[in-house]
Amino acid sequence: MFTNPKENLKELELESGMSLVDFGSGSGNYALLSAPLVKGGRVYAVDIQRGLLEKIKKEAGTRGFSNVEIVWADLEKPESTGLRENSIDAAILANVLFLIEKKEILVDEIKRVLRKGGKLLFLDWADSFGGLGPQAEHVILEKEAKKLFEEKGFLLVKNLANPGDHHYGFILKLNG
């Protein structure tokens, strides 16, 4: 199993009516899987690649998901999502942190938009694997990722038991 978004999403305990943002949504796996779980709520797919966002929008329409919105943003610029402060119940950051140079700006944006007590599903590469994922020097160690979030006021809720081969993951809660 490379990664299993469906299983990883269960750890967020999503419910109807919730709002969720998928930071660095890429091809939209997590955003599209989340849409039916938060029926009556909103899913924001955030990415810098407009082409991928358009594909997500089209696929959401094909699947009949009217609750998926696309948001173009440069996650290395403060408040780039334009989402309201304290407006989101849950967030996802999957396989993105290693790509970001200004990591603190991204974590600040996640913190800004999450409600107090809001949860974050975090996943990233544990190693460099056969040309997939990051180069070895770009891998963010699990302890470094936890420290980055904890210093910004997030509390570790639990480690994911099996986030996928060559990955680690955990659930964090915004303290408050």
N, C-alpha and C. Protein backbone atom coordinates (compact mmCIF):
# COMPACT_ATOMS: atom_id res chain seq x y z
N MET A 1 0.85 -1.19 0.00
CA MET A 1 0.00 0.00 0.00
C MET A 1 0.88 1.24 0.00
N PHE A 2 0.74 2.05 -1.02
CA PHE A 2 1.54 3.26 -1.11
C PHE A 2 1.02 4.26 -0.08
N THR A 3 -0.15 4.81 -0.29
CA THR A 3 -0.90 5.52 0.75
C THR A 3 -2.36 5.15 0.56
N ASN A 4 -3.13 5.30 1.59
CA ASN A 4 -4.55 4.97 1.50
C ASN A 4 -5.36 6.16 1.99
N PRO A 5 -5.67 7.11 1.09
CA PRO A 5 -6.40 8.31 1.50
C PRO A 5 -7.71 8.01 2.23
N LYS A 6 -8.45 7.00 1.79
CA LYS A 6 -9.73 6.68 2.45
C LYS A 6 -9.52 6.33 3.92
N GLU A 7 -8.55 5.48 4.18
CA GLU A 7 -8.26 5.07 5.56
C GLU A 7 -7.71 6.24 6.37
N ASN A 8 -6.82 7.02 5.76
CA ASN A 8 -6.25 8.16 6.47
C ASN A 8 -7.32 9.19 6.82
N LEU A 9 -8.28 9.39 5.92
CA LEU A 9 -9.36 10.36 6.17
C LEU A 9 -10.24 9.96 7.35
N LYS A 10 -10.41 8.66 7.57
CA LYS A 10 -11.23 8.20 8.69
C LYS A 10 -10.72 8.77 10.01
N GLU A 11 -9.41 8.99 10.08
CA GLU A 11 -8.80 9.49 11.31
C GLU A 11 -9.23 10.91 11.66
N LEU A 12 -9.74 11.65 10.66
CA LEU A 12 -10.21 13.02 10.92
C LEU A 12 -11.62 13.06 11.51
N GLU A 13 -12.34 11.94 11.41
CA GLU A 13 -13.71 11.85 11.95
C GLU A 13 -14.60 12.95 11.38
N LEU A 14 -14.62 13.06 10.06
CA LEU A 14 -15.42 14.08 9.39
C LEU A 14 -16.90 13.79 9.53
N GLU A 15 -17.69 14.86 9.58
CA GLU A 15 -19.15 14.74 9.71
C GLU A 15 -19.83 15.70 8.75
N SER A 16 -21.10 15.40 8.46
CA SER A 16 -21.89 16.28 7.61
C SER A 16 -21.87 17.70 8.16
N GLY A 17 -21.79 18.66 7.24
CA GLY A 17 -21.85 20.06 7.62
C GLY A 17 -20.51 20.69 7.95
N MET A 18 -19.47 19.88 8.06
CA MET A 18 -18.15 20.44 8.39
C MET A 18 -17.54 21.16 7.19
N SER A 19 -16.59 22.03 7.49
CA SER A 19 -15.80 22.67 6.45
C SER A 19 -14.38 22.10 6.54
N LEU A 20 -13.79 21.88 5.37
CA LEU A 20 -12.47 21.27 5.30
C LEU A 20 -11.65 21.95 4.22
N VAL A 21 -10.37 22.09 4.46
CA VAL A 21 -9.49 22.62 3.42
C VAL A 21 -8.35 21.63 3.20
N ASP A 22 -8.10 21.34 1.93
CA ASP A 22 -7.01 20.46 1.52
C ASP A 22 -5.91 21.36 0.96
N PHE A 23 -4.87 21.60 1.79
CA PHE A 23 -3.76 22.47 1.39
C PHE A 23 -2.82 21.71 0.46
N GLY A 24 -2.61 22.25 -0.73
CA GLY A 24 -1.77 21.56 -1.71
C GLY A 24 -2.50 20.33 -2.23
N SER A 25 -3.71 20.55 -2.70
CA SER A 25 -4.62 19.45 -3.05
C SER A 25 -4.15 18.59 -4.22
N GLY A 26 -3.24 19.11 -5.05
CA GLY A 26 -2.72 18.30 -6.15
C GLY A 26 -3.83 17.78 -7.05
N SER A 27 -3.86 16.47 -7.25
CA SER A 27 -4.87 15.87 -8.13
C SER A 27 -6.25 15.78 -7.48
N GLY A 28 -6.34 16.08 -6.20
CA GLY A 28 -7.64 16.16 -5.54
C GLY A 28 -8.13 14.90 -4.85
N ASN A 29 -7.27 13.91 -4.66
CA ASN A 29 -7.71 12.67 -4.01
C ASN A 29 -8.42 12.94 -2.69
N TYR A 30 -7.77 13.67 -1.80
CA TYR A 30 -8.36 13.92 -0.48
C TYR A 30 -9.58 14.83 -0.57
N ALA A 31 -9.51 15.86 -1.37
CA ALA A 31 -10.65 16.79 -1.49
C ALA A 31 -11.89 16.05 -2.01
N LEU A 32 -11.71 15.25 -3.04
CA LEU A 32 -12.87 14.56 -3.63
C LEU A 32 -13.40 13.45 -2.72
N LEU A 33 -12.53 12.78 -2.00
CA LEU A 33 -12.99 11.77 -1.04
C LEU A 33 -13.71 12.41 0.15
N SER A 34 -13.34 13.63 0.49
CA SER A 34 -13.93 14.33 1.63
C SER A 34 -15.32 14.88 1.33
N ALA A 35 -15.56 15.25 0.08
CA ALA A 35 -16.81 15.93 -0.28
C ALA A 35 -18.07 15.21 0.20
N PRO A 36 -18.23 13.89 -0.04
CA PRO A 36 -19.45 13.25 0.45
C PRO A 36 -19.48 13.07 1.97
N LEU A 37 -18.33 13.10 2.60
CA LEU A 37 -18.26 12.93 4.06
C LEU A 37 -18.72 14.18 4.81
N VAL A 38 -18.60 15.34 4.18
CA VAL A 38 -19.01 16.59 4.82
C VAL A 38 -20.24 17.17 4.12
N LYS A 39 -21.09 16.30 3.63
CA LYS A 39 -22.31 16.71 2.92
C LYS A 39 -22.99 17.85 3.67
N GLY A 40 -23.34 18.89 2.93
CA GLY A 40 -23.93 20.07 3.55
C GLY A 40 -22.88 21.06 4.02
N GLY A 41 -21.63 20.63 4.00
CA GLY A 41 -20.51 21.50 4.37
C GLY A 41 -19.74 21.92 3.14
N ARG A 42 -18.50 22.30 3.32
CA ARG A 42 -17.66 22.80 2.22
C ARG A 42 -16.30 22.13 2.24
N VAL A 43 -15.78 21.87 1.04
CA VAL A 43 -14.41 21.41 0.86
C VAL A 43 -13.70 22.42 -0.03
N TYR A 44 -12.59 22.94 0.46
CA TYR A 44 -11.78 23.88 -0.32
C TYR A 44 -10.50 23.16 -0.76
N ALA A 45 -10.33 23.03 -2.06
CA ALA A 45 -9.12 22.44 -2.63
C ALA A 45 -8.20 23.60 -2.98
N VAL A 46 -7.06 23.67 -2.29
CA VAL A 46 -6.13 24.78 -2.45
C VAL A 46 -4.85 24.28 -3.11
N ASP A 47 -4.46 24.95 -4.19
CA ASP A 47 -3.22 24.57 -4.86
C ASP A 47 -2.70 25.76 -5.66
N ILE A 48 -1.44 25.67 -6.07
CA ILE A 48 -0.84 26.72 -6.89
C ILE A 48 -0.95 26.38 -8.38
N GLN A 49 -1.27 25.13 -8.69
CA GLN A 49 -1.35 24.70 -10.08
C GLN A 49 -2.80 24.80 -10.58
N ARG A 50 -3.05 25.81 -11.37
CA ARG A 50 -4.41 26.07 -11.86
C ARG A 50 -4.98 24.90 -12.65
N GLY A 51 -4.14 24.24 -13.43
CA GLY A 51 -4.60 23.10 -14.23
C GLY A 51 -5.15 21.98 -13.36
N LEU A 52 -4.47 21.70 -12.26
CA LEU A 52 -4.95 20.66 -11.34
C LEU A 52 -6.25 21.09 -10.67
N LEU A 53 -6.35 22.36 -10.32
CA LEU A 53 -7.59 22.86 -9.70
C LEU A 53 -8.76 22.72 -10.67
N GLU A 54 -8.55 23.02 -11.93
CA GLU A 54 -9.62 22.89 -12.92
C GLU A 54 -10.06 21.44 -13.06
N LYS A 55 -9.10 20.52 -13.00
CA LYS A 55 -9.44 19.08 -13.07
C LYS A 55 -10.28 18.67 -11.86
N ILE A 56 -9.92 19.18 -10.70
CA ILE A 56 -10.70 18.87 -9.49
C ILE A 56 -12.13 19.40 -9.64
N LYS A 57 -12.25 20.63 -10.10
CA LYS A 57 -13.57 21.25 -10.28
C LYS A 57 -14.42 20.41 -11.24
N LYS A 58 -13.80 20.00 -12.34
CA LYS A 58 -14.52 19.19 -13.34
C LYS A 58 -14.92 17.83 -12.75
N GLU A 59 -14.00 17.18 -12.06
CA GLU A 59 -14.29 15.87 -11.47
C GLU A 59 -15.37 15.98 -10.39
N ALA A 60 -15.33 17.04 -9.61
CA ALA A 60 -16.36 17.26 -8.58
C ALA A 60 -17.72 17.38 -9.26
N GLY A 61 -17.79 18.11 -10.36
CA GLY A 61 -19.04 18.25 -11.11
C GLY A 61 -19.51 16.92 -11.66
N THR A 62 -18.60 16.14 -12.21
CA THR A 62 -18.93 14.82 -12.75
C THR A 62 -19.51 13.92 -11.67
N ARG A 63 -18.96 14.01 -10.47
CA ARG A 63 -19.42 13.17 -9.34
C ARG A 63 -20.64 13.77 -8.63
N GLY A 64 -21.06 14.95 -9.04
CA GLY A 64 -22.23 15.57 -8.43
C GLY A 64 -21.95 16.24 -7.09
N PHE A 65 -20.70 16.61 -6.85
CA PHE A 65 -20.33 17.28 -5.60
C PHE A 65 -20.40 18.79 -5.80
N SER A 66 -21.42 19.40 -5.25
CA SER A 66 -21.57 20.85 -5.37
C SER A 66 -20.88 21.59 -4.23
N ASN A 67 -20.30 20.85 -3.30
CA ASN A 67 -19.69 21.47 -2.12
C ASN A 67 -18.17 21.59 -2.21
N VAL A 68 -17.60 21.39 -3.40
CA VAL A 68 -16.15 21.52 -3.58
C VAL A 68 -15.85 22.85 -4.27
N GLU A 69 -15.00 23.64 -3.63
CA GLU A 69 -14.56 24.90 -4.21
C GLU A 69 -13.06 24.85 -4.41
N ILE A 70 -12.61 25.42 -5.52
CA ILE A 70 -11.17 25.47 -5.76
C ILE A 70 -10.65 26.86 -5.39
N VAL A 71 -9.43 26.87 -4.84
CA VAL A 71 -8.80 28.11 -4.41
C VAL A 71 -7.36 28.11 -4.90
N TRP A 72 -7.02 29.07 -5.76
CA TRP A 72 -5.64 29.20 -6.18
C TRP A 72 -4.91 29.99 -5.11
N ALA A 73 -3.76 29.48 -4.66
CA ALA A 73 -2.98 30.19 -3.64
C ALA A 73 -1.53 29.76 -3.70
N ASP A 74 -0.66 30.69 -3.37
CA ASP A 74 0.75 30.42 -3.16
C ASP A 74 0.92 30.27 -1.65
N LEU A 75 1.08 29.05 -1.19
CA LEU A 75 1.10 28.76 0.24
C LEU A 75 2.34 29.29 0.96
N GLU A 76 3.25 29.91 0.21
CA GLU A 76 4.41 30.52 0.83
C GLU A 76 4.24 32.03 1.01
N LYS A 77 3.00 32.49 0.78
CA LYS A 77 2.68 33.90 1.00
C LYS A 77 1.60 33.99 2.07
N PRO A 78 1.78 34.88 3.05
CA PRO A 78 0.81 34.98 4.16
C PRO A 78 -0.62 35.22 3.67
N GLU A 79 -1.54 34.49 4.29
CA GLU A 79 -2.99 34.64 4.07
C GLU A 79 -3.38 34.52 2.60
N SER A 80 -2.63 33.73 1.85
CA SER A 80 -2.85 33.63 0.40
C SER A 80 -4.13 32.90 0.03
N THR A 81 -4.71 32.11 0.93
CA THR A 81 -5.93 31.38 0.56
C THR A 81 -7.15 32.29 0.51
N GLY A 82 -7.10 33.39 1.24
CA GLY A 82 -8.26 34.28 1.29
C GLY A 82 -9.42 33.71 2.10
N LEU A 83 -9.22 32.56 2.73
CA LEU A 83 -10.28 31.98 3.56
C LEU A 83 -10.39 32.78 4.86
N ARG A 84 -11.61 32.80 5.41
CA ARG A 84 -11.84 33.55 6.64
C ARG A 84 -11.10 32.93 7.83
N GLU A 85 -10.68 33.77 8.72
CA GLU A 85 -10.02 33.34 9.94
C GLU A 85 -10.99 32.52 10.79
N ASN A 86 -10.49 31.47 11.42
CA ASN A 86 -11.29 30.62 12.33
C ASN A 86 -12.56 30.09 11.68
N SER A 87 -12.49 29.72 10.41
CA SER A 87 -13.71 29.31 9.70
C SER A 87 -13.74 27.84 9.29
N ILE A 88 -12.67 27.11 9.54
CA ILE A 88 -12.53 25.74 9.03
C ILE A 88 -12.48 24.74 10.18
N ASP A 89 -13.21 23.62 10.01
CA ASP A 89 -13.25 22.58 11.04
C ASP A 89 -12.08 21.61 10.96
N ALA A 90 -11.64 21.32 9.73
CA ALA A 90 -10.59 20.32 9.55
C ALA A 90 -9.74 20.68 8.34
N ALA A 91 -8.49 20.24 8.39
CA ALA A 91 -7.56 20.52 7.29
C ALA A 91 -6.73 19.28 6.98
N ILE A 92 -6.22 19.27 5.77
CA ILE A 92 -5.35 18.18 5.32
C ILE A 92 -4.11 18.81 4.71
N LEU A 93 -2.97 18.24 5.07
CA LEU A 93 -1.70 18.62 4.45
C LEU A 93 -0.98 17.31 4.16
N ALA A 94 -1.09 16.84 2.93
CA ALA A 94 -0.56 15.52 2.55
C ALA A 94 0.49 15.66 1.46
N ASN A 95 1.69 15.23 1.78
CA ASN A 95 2.79 15.19 0.82
C ASN A 95 3.10 16.56 0.23
N VAL A 96 3.07 17.58 1.07
CA VAL A 96 3.28 18.95 0.61
C VAL A 96 4.43 19.64 1.35
N LEU A 97 4.56 19.40 2.64
CA LEU A 97 5.50 20.17 3.45
C LEU A 97 6.92 20.14 2.89
N PHE A 98 7.34 19.00 2.36
CA PHE A 98 8.70 18.90 1.84
C PHE A 98 8.93 19.81 0.63
N LEU A 99 7.85 20.23 -0.03
CA LEU A 99 7.94 21.11 -1.20
C LEU A 99 8.06 22.58 -0.85
N ILE A 100 7.72 22.92 0.37
CA ILE A 100 7.59 24.31 0.80
C ILE A 100 8.88 24.80 1.44
N GLU A 101 9.38 25.93 0.95
CA GLU A 101 10.57 26.53 1.56
C GLU A 101 10.19 27.30 2.82
N LYS A 102 9.12 28.09 2.74
CA LYS A 102 8.70 28.94 3.86
C LYS A 102 7.62 28.21 4.67
N LYS A 103 8.07 27.16 5.35
CA LYS A 103 7.17 26.26 6.06
C LYS A 103 6.35 26.96 7.14
N GLU A 104 6.96 27.91 7.84
CA GLU A 104 6.26 28.60 8.93
C GLU A 104 5.08 29.41 8.41
N ILE A 105 5.21 29.97 7.21
CA ILE A 105 4.10 30.74 6.63
C ILE A 105 2.92 29.81 6.36
N LEU A 106 3.20 28.62 5.84
CA LEU A 106 2.13 27.65 5.59
C LEU A 106 1.46 27.23 6.89
N VAL A 107 2.25 26.92 7.90
CA VAL A 107 1.67 26.50 9.19
C VAL A 107 0.85 27.64 9.80
N ASP A 108 1.34 28.87 9.66
CA ASP A 108 0.57 30.02 10.15
C ASP A 108 -0.77 30.13 9.43
N GLU A 109 -0.81 29.85 8.13
CA GLU A 109 -2.07 29.93 7.38
C GLU A 109 -3.04 28.84 7.82
N ILE A 110 -2.52 27.64 8.05
CA ILE A 110 -3.38 26.56 8.55
C ILE A 110 -3.97 26.97 9.90
N LYS A 111 -3.13 27.49 10.77
CA LYS A 111 -3.57 27.93 12.10
C LYS A 111 -4.58 29.07 11.99
N ARG A 112 -4.37 29.98 11.08
CA ARG A 112 -5.25 31.14 10.92
C ARG A 112 -6.66 30.72 10.52
N VAL A 113 -6.79 29.77 9.60
CA VAL A 113 -8.12 29.43 9.09
C VAL A 113 -8.85 28.38 9.94
N LEU A 114 -8.11 27.56 10.69
CA LEU A 114 -8.75 26.55 11.53
C LEU A 114 -9.43 27.18 12.74
N ARG A 115 -10.59 26.62 13.09
CA ARG A 115 -11.24 27.00 14.34
C ARG A 115 -10.42 26.43 15.50
N LYS A 116 -10.54 27.01 16.67
CA LYS A 116 -9.89 26.44 17.85
C LYS A 116 -10.47 25.03 18.04
N GLY A 117 -9.61 24.07 18.28
CA GLY A 117 -10.04 22.68 18.39
C GLY A 117 -10.14 21.97 17.05
N GLY A 118 -9.92 22.70 15.96
CA GLY A 118 -9.95 22.10 14.62
C GLY A 118 -8.82 21.11 14.45
N LYS A 119 -9.03 20.12 13.59
CA LYS A 119 -8.04 19.05 13.41
C LYS A 119 -7.32 19.16 12.08
N LEU A 120 -6.09 18.69 12.09
CA LEU A 120 -5.27 18.63 10.89
C LEU A 120 -4.79 17.21 10.68
N LEU A 121 -5.05 16.67 9.49
CA LEU A 121 -4.47 15.40 9.07
C LEU A 121 -3.19 15.75 8.33
N PHE A 122 -2.06 15.31 8.87
CA PHE A 122 -0.76 15.60 8.28
C PHE A 122 -0.10 14.30 7.83
N LEU A 123 0.36 14.28 6.58
CA LEU A 123 1.11 13.15 6.04
C LEU A 123 2.28 13.68 5.24
N ASP A 124 3.38 12.96 5.30
CA ASP A 124 4.50 13.32 4.43
C ASP A 124 5.40 12.10 4.26
N TRP A 125 6.39 12.27 3.42
CA TRP A 125 7.32 11.20 3.08
C TRP A 125 8.28 10.93 4.23
N ALA A 126 8.45 9.65 4.56
CA ALA A 126 9.40 9.26 5.59
C ALA A 126 10.79 9.06 5.01
N ASP A 127 10.85 8.85 3.70
CA ASP A 127 12.14 8.64 3.05
C ASP A 127 12.02 8.95 1.56
N SER A 128 13.14 8.88 0.90
CA SER A 128 13.18 9.04 -0.55
C SER A 128 13.13 7.65 -1.14
N PHE A 129 12.19 7.41 -2.05
CA PHE A 129 11.93 6.05 -2.49
C PHE A 129 11.93 5.94 -4.01
N GLY A 130 12.94 5.31 -4.55
CA GLY A 130 12.97 4.95 -5.96
C GLY A 130 12.58 6.06 -6.93
N GLY A 131 12.99 7.28 -6.69
CA GLY A 131 12.66 8.37 -7.60
C GLY A 131 11.30 8.99 -7.35
N LEU A 132 10.54 8.45 -6.41
CA LEU A 132 9.24 9.03 -6.05
C LEU A 132 9.41 9.87 -4.80
N GLY A 133 8.59 10.90 -4.71
CA GLY A 133 8.67 11.76 -3.54
C GLY A 133 9.91 12.63 -3.58
N PRO A 134 10.29 13.14 -2.43
CA PRO A 134 11.39 14.11 -2.37
C PRO A 134 12.76 13.46 -2.50
N GLN A 135 13.73 14.25 -2.89
CA GLN A 135 15.12 13.82 -2.80
C GLN A 135 15.42 13.67 -1.31
N ALA A 136 16.37 12.81 -0.99
CA ALA A 136 16.68 12.51 0.41
C ALA A 136 16.92 13.77 1.25
N GLU A 137 17.58 14.77 0.68
CA GLU A 137 17.89 15.98 1.46
C GLU A 137 16.67 16.85 1.70
N HIS A 138 15.55 16.56 1.04
CA HIS A 138 14.33 17.35 1.22
C HIS A 138 13.31 16.68 2.12
N VAL A 139 13.58 15.45 2.53
CA VAL A 139 12.66 14.74 3.43
C VAL A 139 12.61 15.49 4.76
N ILE A 140 11.41 15.72 5.24
CA ILE A 140 11.20 16.35 6.55
C ILE A 140 10.99 15.22 7.56
N LEU A 141 11.87 15.13 8.53
CA LEU A 141 11.74 14.08 9.53
C LEU A 141 10.48 14.29 10.36
N GLU A 142 9.91 13.20 10.80
CA GLU A 142 8.67 13.26 11.58
C GLU A 142 8.82 14.15 12.81
N LYS A 143 9.91 14.01 13.53
CA LYS A 143 10.09 14.83 14.74
C LYS A 143 10.18 16.31 14.40
N GLU A 144 10.77 16.65 13.25
CA GLU A 144 10.85 18.05 12.82
C GLU A 144 9.47 18.59 12.50
N ALA A 145 8.66 17.79 11.81
CA ALA A 145 7.31 18.22 11.45
C ALA A 145 6.47 18.44 12.71
N LYS A 146 6.54 17.51 13.64
CA LYS A 146 5.78 17.66 14.89
C LYS A 146 6.20 18.92 15.63
N LYS A 147 7.51 19.16 15.70
CA LYS A 147 8.02 20.33 16.40
C LYS A 147 7.51 21.62 15.75
N LEU A 148 7.53 21.67 14.43
CA LEU A 148 7.06 22.84 13.69
C LEU A 148 5.61 23.18 14.07
N PHE A 149 4.75 22.17 14.10
CA PHE A 149 3.34 22.40 14.42
C PHE A 149 3.14 22.69 15.91
N GLU A 150 3.83 21.95 16.75
CA GLU A 150 3.66 22.16 18.20
C GLU A 150 4.11 23.56 18.61
N GLU A 151 5.16 24.08 17.98
CA GLU A 151 5.62 25.44 18.29
C GLU A 151 4.61 26.50 17.89
N LYS A 152 3.68 26.14 16.99
CA LYS A 152 2.65 27.07 16.53
C LYS A 152 1.31 26.85 17.24
N GLY A 153 1.30 26.01 18.29
CA GLY A 153 0.09 25.85 19.09
C GLY A 153 -0.77 24.65 18.76
N PHE A 154 -0.23 23.71 18.00
CA PHE A 154 -0.97 22.48 17.71
C PHE A 154 -0.58 21.42 18.73
N LEU A 155 -1.54 20.56 19.05
CA LEU A 155 -1.30 19.44 19.96
C LEU A 155 -1.41 18.14 19.18
N LEU A 156 -0.49 17.23 19.42
CA LEU A 156 -0.55 15.92 18.79
C LEU A 156 -1.70 15.12 19.40
N VAL A 157 -2.61 14.65 18.55
CA VAL A 157 -3.73 13.82 19.02
C VAL A 157 -3.34 12.36 18.92
N LYS A 158 -2.82 11.96 17.74
CA LYS A 158 -2.37 10.58 17.58
C LYS A 158 -1.54 10.43 16.31
N ASN A 159 -0.70 9.43 16.33
CA ASN A 159 0.05 9.03 15.15
C ASN A 159 -0.82 8.10 14.33
N LEU A 160 -0.73 8.17 13.03
CA LEU A 160 -1.47 7.24 12.17
C LEU A 160 -0.76 5.90 12.20
N ALA A 161 -1.53 4.84 12.40
CA ALA A 161 -0.96 3.50 12.52
C ALA A 161 -0.31 3.04 11.21
N ASN A 162 -0.96 3.33 10.08
CA ASN A 162 -0.45 2.85 8.81
C ASN A 162 -0.78 3.85 7.70
N PRO A 163 -0.09 4.98 7.68
CA PRO A 163 -0.42 6.01 6.69
C PRO A 163 -0.06 5.62 5.26
N GLY A 164 0.80 4.65 5.10
CA GLY A 164 1.21 4.20 3.77
C GLY A 164 2.69 3.89 3.76
N ASP A 165 3.09 3.12 2.77
CA ASP A 165 4.51 2.80 2.62
C ASP A 165 5.28 4.09 2.39
N HIS A 166 6.40 4.22 3.04
CA HIS A 166 7.31 5.35 2.86
C HIS A 166 6.72 6.68 3.34
N HIS A 167 5.73 6.61 4.22
CA HIS A 167 5.09 7.82 4.75
C HIS A 167 4.94 7.73 6.26
N TYR A 168 4.75 8.87 6.88
CA TYR A 168 4.34 8.94 8.27
C TYR A 168 3.19 9.93 8.32
N GLY A 169 2.41 9.87 9.37
CA GLY A 169 1.30 10.80 9.48
C GLY A 169 0.79 10.87 10.90
N PHE A 170 0.08 11.95 11.17
CA PHE A 170 -0.50 12.14 12.48
C PHE A 170 -1.66 13.12 12.40
N ILE A 171 -2.46 13.11 13.46
CA ILE A 171 -3.56 14.06 13.63
C ILE A 171 -3.14 15.06 14.69
N LEU A 172 -3.33 16.32 14.36
CA LEU A 172 -3.05 17.41 15.30
C LEU A 172 -4.34 18.18 15.55
N LYS A 173 -4.40 18.82 16.69
CA LYS A 173 -5.55 19.64 17.04
C LYS A 173 -5.05 21.02 17.37
N LEU A 174 -5.76 22.04 16.89
CA LEU A 174 -5.37 23.41 17.21
C LEU A 174 -5.79 23.70 18.64
N ASN A 175 -4.82 24.02 19.46
CA ASN A 175 -5.06 24.25 20.87
C ASN A 175 -6.02 25.44 21.07
N GLY A 176 -6.94 25.27 21.97
CA GLY A 176 -7.85 26.36 22.25
C GLY A 176 -9.14 25.91 22.84
